[in-house]
């Protein structure tokens, strides 16, 4: 069975055709429970997310800030496994028809087996993977299997990336390019800043792939700002925080659905 990289490309192209950026939501699998995590992905799609990144919880999430680390801890204490991540992708995609990616560090895939992981992700209807810590020069095995199974390989670029490095990264990637708006870990920020716009401009000079910006966007105003220069707006910590702050699971689902709606208006610049 082939994965849904084409659905991802079509979804991003459709947003562009509407004259707007795509809204990409991030939520970790297994948080607050496996079933609760699946419900949360469905809720953000109902609210207006175009694409969802499902996080594979990791015990040492070096690029994630305290909010996502807290959610990962809850998921890991609940016993979340890669099989639960695949189930989250499958059920979310079947329920919404939207492209669902997995965001993961390399170590769990390496331990699980590249062929096994890519085959299972494709079978679950996944659209691809975002691999923030896999160096491009060490990615050939992954890319070979991902391509075979119809999965996108999304690499992360940062403001510190030199132009030559950007070209190397974007040439190896597919689906879209994840532009980290600032140096540091994930988390909401008061301002996303000019660094992100400059990074998008430099990245676009190297590729035809859509360039989507993450790290720091937390409200409709910031989403609108980023939508003014990026092809997609990626929001993670704000969704996770909304669930962490909710008094119960039902309130958490309502909160992320409402936030997705606000952000969806933001990327359409209706905020």
Protein backbone atom coordinates (compact mmCIF):
# COMPACT_ATOMS: atom_id res chain seq x y z
CA UNK A 1 0.00 0.00 0.00
CA UNK A 2 1.25 3.47 -0.88
CA UNK A 3 1.29 6.38 1.54
CA UNK A 4 -0.40 9.72 1.05
CA UNK A 5 2.40 12.06 0.01
CA UNK A 6 0.30 13.11 -3.00
CA UNK A 7 -2.59 14.03 -0.71
CA UNK A 8 -0.20 16.23 1.27
CA UNK A 9 1.00 17.97 -1.90
CA UNK A 10 -2.56 18.40 -3.15
CA UNK A 11 -3.70 19.84 0.19
CA UNK A 12 -0.92 22.43 0.28
CA UNK A 13 -1.55 23.31 -3.38
CA UNK A 14 -5.28 23.73 -2.71
CA UNK A 15 -4.58 26.17 0.13
CA UNK A 16 -2.26 28.12 -2.14
CA UNK A 17 -4.94 28.20 -4.86
CA UNK A 18 -7.28 29.74 -2.29
CA UNK A 19 -4.70 32.47 -1.71
CA UNK A 20 -3.88 31.41 1.83
CA UNK A 21 -1.41 29.44 3.92
CA UNK A 22 -2.25 25.95 5.14
CA UNK A 23 -2.81 25.35 8.86
CA UNK A 24 -0.69 22.46 10.15
CA UNK A 25 -1.39 21.26 13.69
CA UNK A 26 0.92 19.19 15.89
CA UNK A 27 -0.27 16.86 18.66
CA UNK A 28 1.60 14.01 20.36
CA UNK A 29 0.19 10.48 20.11
CA UNK A 30 -0.96 8.97 23.40
CA UNK A 31 -1.79 12.33 25.01
CA UNK A 32 -3.72 12.44 27.26
CA UNK A 33 -4.40 8.78 26.32
CA UNK A 34 -4.22 6.98 22.98
CA UNK A 35 -7.98 7.35 22.46
CA UNK A 36 -7.86 10.92 23.74
CA UNK A 37 -5.02 11.75 21.35
CA UNK A 38 -6.98 10.38 18.39
CA UNK A 39 -10.00 12.45 19.44
CA UNK A 40 -7.79 15.54 19.69
CA UNK A 41 -6.46 15.08 16.13
CA UNK A 42 -10.03 14.74 14.87
CA UNK A 43 -11.00 17.88 16.82
CA UNK A 44 -8.28 20.07 15.31
CA UNK A 45 -9.28 18.85 11.84
CA UNK A 46 -12.93 19.68 12.58
CA UNK A 47 -11.77 23.12 13.72
CA UNK A 48 -9.98 23.81 10.46
CA UNK A 49 -6.50 22.23 10.41
CA UNK A 50 -5.51 21.20 6.88
CA UNK A 51 -2.69 18.85 7.90
CA UNK A 52 -1.75 17.20 11.21
CA UNK A 53 1.63 16.15 12.54
CA UNK A 54 1.34 13.33 15.07
CA UNK A 55 4.28 13.36 17.45
CA UNK A 56 5.98 10.13 18.44
CA UNK A 57 6.68 10.74 22.13
CA UNK A 58 10.35 10.54 23.06
CA UNK A 59 12.05 10.37 26.45
CA UNK A 60 14.62 13.01 25.44
CA UNK A 61 12.84 15.44 23.10
CA UNK A 62 15.78 17.80 22.63
CA UNK A 63 13.98 20.19 20.27
CA UNK A 64 10.76 20.37 22.26
CA UNK A 65 10.00 22.90 24.94
CA UNK A 66 8.46 22.24 28.38
CA UNK A 67 4.84 22.09 27.18
CA UNK A 68 5.41 19.29 24.66
CA UNK A 69 7.85 17.57 27.02
CA UNK A 70 5.08 17.44 29.64
CA UNK A 71 2.66 15.88 27.15
CA UNK A 72 5.32 13.39 26.02
CA UNK A 73 5.91 12.39 29.65
CA UNK A 74 2.19 11.74 30.12
CA UNK A 75 2.04 9.66 26.94
CA UNK A 76 5.14 7.63 27.84
CA UNK A 77 3.88 6.99 31.38
CA UNK A 78 0.66 5.77 29.76
CA UNK A 79 2.71 3.20 27.86
CA UNK A 80 2.38 4.64 24.33
CA UNK A 81 4.08 2.53 21.65
CA UNK A 82 4.83 2.94 17.94
CA UNK A 83 1.78 0.75 17.25
CA UNK A 84 -0.33 3.40 19.01
CA UNK A 85 1.21 6.11 16.82
CA UNK A 86 0.28 4.11 13.71
CA UNK A 87 -3.24 3.60 15.07
CA UNK A 88 -3.54 7.34 15.68
CA UNK A 89 -2.50 8.07 12.09
CA UNK A 90 -4.88 5.45 10.67
CA UNK A 91 -7.96 6.44 12.64
CA UNK A 92 -7.37 10.18 12.22
CA UNK A 93 -6.88 9.87 8.47
CA UNK A 94 -9.87 7.54 8.02
CA UNK A 95 -12.10 9.90 10.02
CA UNK A 96 -10.99 13.16 8.39
CA UNK A 97 -9.50 12.33 4.98
CA UNK A 98 -6.70 14.77 5.80
CA UNK A 99 -2.96 14.19 5.41
CA UNK A 100 -1.41 12.96 8.64
CA UNK A 101 2.37 12.97 9.15
CA UNK A 102 4.47 11.60 11.96
CA UNK A 103 7.03 13.86 13.62
CA UNK A 104 9.75 11.83 15.26
CA UNK A 105 13.37 11.75 16.27
CA UNK A 106 15.48 9.26 14.36
CA UNK A 107 16.38 6.87 17.18
CA UNK A 108 12.95 5.19 17.55
CA UNK A 109 12.78 4.54 13.78
CA UNK A 110 16.32 3.19 13.74
CA UNK A 111 15.48 0.77 16.56
CA UNK A 112 12.14 -0.25 15.04
CA UNK A 113 13.55 -0.77 11.54
CA UNK A 114 13.25 1.62 8.60
CA UNK A 115 11.48 -0.80 6.27
CA UNK A 116 9.02 -1.88 8.95
CA UNK A 117 8.28 1.70 10.02
CA UNK A 118 7.75 3.05 6.49
CA UNK A 119 5.63 0.06 5.44
CA UNK A 120 3.39 0.38 8.50
CA UNK A 121 3.06 4.15 8.17
CA UNK A 122 2.04 3.82 4.53
CA UNK A 123 -0.42 1.05 5.39
CA UNK A 124 -1.94 3.32 8.04
CA UNK A 125 -2.53 6.01 5.41
CA UNK A 126 0.26 8.29 6.61
CA UNK A 127 1.53 11.08 4.38
CA UNK A 128 5.14 11.10 5.55
CA UNK A 129 7.55 11.97 8.32
CA UNK A 130 9.18 15.06 9.75
CA UNK A 131 12.64 14.13 10.98
CA UNK A 132 14.18 17.06 12.85
CA UNK A 133 17.40 15.34 13.92
CA UNK A 134 18.21 13.15 10.89
CA UNK A 135 21.17 14.69 9.00
CA UNK A 136 20.53 14.83 5.26
CA UNK A 137 23.88 13.17 4.56
CA UNK A 138 22.77 10.15 6.65
CA UNK A 139 19.24 9.96 5.24
CA UNK A 140 19.64 7.86 2.08
CA UNK A 141 18.27 4.63 3.58
CA UNK A 142 15.26 6.41 5.03
CA UNK A 143 14.52 8.30 1.80
CA UNK A 144 14.79 5.14 -0.30
CA UNK A 145 12.15 3.36 1.79
CA UNK A 146 9.96 6.45 2.19
CA UNK A 147 9.87 7.00 -1.55
CA UNK A 148 9.12 3.33 -2.17
CA UNK A 149 6.12 3.58 0.14
CA UNK A 150 4.80 6.94 -1.08
CA UNK A 151 5.81 8.91 2.02
CA UNK A 152 7.11 12.48 2.16
CA UNK A 153 10.41 13.24 3.90
CA UNK A 154 10.20 16.64 5.56
CA UNK A 155 13.47 18.15 6.77
CA UNK A 156 13.86 21.10 9.13
CA UNK A 157 15.83 24.24 8.27
CA UNK A 158 16.81 26.91 10.77
CA UNK A 159 17.82 30.60 10.64
CA UNK A 160 21.43 29.48 11.19
CA UNK A 161 21.38 27.37 7.98
CA UNK A 162 23.68 28.87 5.34
CA UNK A 163 22.31 29.16 1.79
CA UNK A 164 24.45 26.29 0.50
CA UNK A 165 23.20 24.09 3.33
CA UNK A 166 19.60 25.08 2.62
CA UNK A 167 20.00 23.93 -0.99
CA UNK A 168 21.37 20.56 0.14
CA UNK A 169 18.50 20.04 2.59
CA UNK A 170 15.70 21.10 0.27
CA UNK A 171 17.04 18.99 -2.62
CA UNK A 172 16.75 15.88 -0.42
CA UNK A 173 13.32 16.63 1.02
CA UNK A 174 9.77 16.17 -0.25
CA UNK A 175 6.27 17.25 0.75
CA UNK A 176 7.30 20.59 2.25
CA UNK A 177 10.18 22.24 4.08
CA UNK A 178 9.76 22.86 7.82
CA UNK A 179 11.28 26.26 8.57
CA UNK A 180 12.01 26.69 12.28
CA UNK A 181 11.26 30.35 12.89
CA UNK A 182 13.95 30.86 15.51
CA UNK A 183 16.79 29.09 17.22
CA UNK A 184 15.80 27.13 20.29
CA UNK A 185 13.09 24.71 21.38
CA UNK A 186 9.40 24.64 20.61
CA UNK A 187 7.00 26.82 22.57
CA UNK A 188 4.73 29.79 22.16
CA UNK A 189 6.39 33.16 21.65
CA UNK A 190 5.21 36.75 21.96
CA UNK A 191 6.56 37.42 18.46
CA UNK A 192 7.54 35.16 15.58
CA UNK A 193 9.82 37.83 14.17
CA UNK A 194 11.55 38.86 10.98
CA UNK A 195 14.02 35.96 11.16
CA UNK A 196 11.31 33.62 9.93
CA UNK A 197 10.44 35.75 6.90
CA UNK A 198 14.09 35.93 5.91
CA UNK A 199 14.49 32.16 6.30
CA UNK A 200 11.44 31.53 4.10
CA UNK A 201 12.80 33.89 1.45
CA UNK A 202 16.20 32.17 1.45
CA UNK A 203 14.66 28.69 1.46
CA UNK A 204 12.32 29.49 -1.43
CA UNK A 205 15.32 30.53 -3.49
CA UNK A 206 16.49 26.88 -3.37
CA UNK A 207 13.28 24.90 -3.95
CA UNK A 208 9.80 24.65 -5.44
CA UNK A 209 8.57 22.85 -2.30
CA UNK A 210 6.14 24.72 -0.04
CA UNK A 211 7.86 26.31 2.95
CA UNK A 212 5.94 26.04 6.23
CA UNK A 213 6.90 27.86 9.42
CA UNK A 214 6.75 26.48 12.93
CA UNK A 215 8.01 27.25 16.46
CA UNK A 216 6.27 30.06 18.23
CA UNK A 217 2.86 30.60 16.61
CA UNK A 218 0.11 30.54 19.22
CA UNK A 219 -2.77 32.79 18.14
CA UNK A 220 -4.70 34.03 15.11
CA UNK A 221 -2.75 37.29 14.87
CA UNK A 222 0.60 35.47 14.69
CA UNK A 223 -0.89 32.94 12.25
CA UNK A 224 -1.97 35.79 10.00
CA UNK A 225 1.49 37.36 10.22
CA UNK A 226 3.24 34.12 9.21
CA UNK A 227 0.61 33.38 6.55
CA UNK A 228 1.69 36.62 4.90
CA UNK A 229 5.03 35.10 3.88
CA UNK A 230 4.84 31.29 4.33
CA UNK A 231 2.98 28.48 2.57
CA UNK A 232 1.95 26.89 5.85
CA UNK A 233 1.68 27.81 9.52
CA UNK A 234 2.64 25.06 11.99
CA UNK A 235 1.19 25.20 15.52
CA UNK A 236 2.00 22.70 18.26
CA UNK A 237 2.63 23.98 21.77
CA UNK A 238 -0.50 26.16 21.80
CA UNK A 239 -2.70 23.11 21.09
CA UNK A 240 -0.93 21.00 23.70
CA UNK A 241 -1.14 23.80 26.29
CA UNK A 242 -4.88 24.15 25.64
CA UNK A 243 -5.32 20.49 26.49
CA UNK A 244 -3.00 20.60 29.50
CA UNK A 245 -4.87 23.62 30.89
CA UNK A 246 -8.34 22.11 30.41
CA UNK A 247 -10.14 20.81 33.51
CA UNK A 248 -11.23 17.61 31.75
CA UNK A 249 -10.90 15.77 28.44
CA UNK A 250 -14.12 17.11 26.93
CA UNK A 251 -13.08 20.69 27.68
CA UNK A 252 -9.67 19.97 26.16
CA UNK A 253 -11.22 18.78 22.91
CA UNK A 254 -13.47 21.83 22.79
CA UNK A 255 -10.48 24.09 23.44
CA UNK A 256 -8.33 22.66 20.63
CA UNK A 257 -11.27 22.68 18.21
CA UNK A 258 -11.91 26.35 19.01
CA UNK A 259 -8.21 27.25 18.75
CA UNK A 260 -7.99 25.50 15.37
CA UNK A 261 -10.95 27.60 14.22
CA UNK A 262 -9.27 30.82 15.34
CA UNK A 263 -6.00 29.86 13.65
CA UNK A 264 -7.84 28.80 10.48
CA UNK A 265 -9.32 32.30 10.32
CA UNK A 266 -5.84 33.67 10.94
CA UNK A 267 -4.24 31.86 8.00
CA UNK A 268 -7.08 33.24 5.86
CA UNK A 269 -6.23 36.64 7.38
CA UNK A 270 -9.71 37.07 8.72
CA UNK A 271 -8.42 37.55 12.27
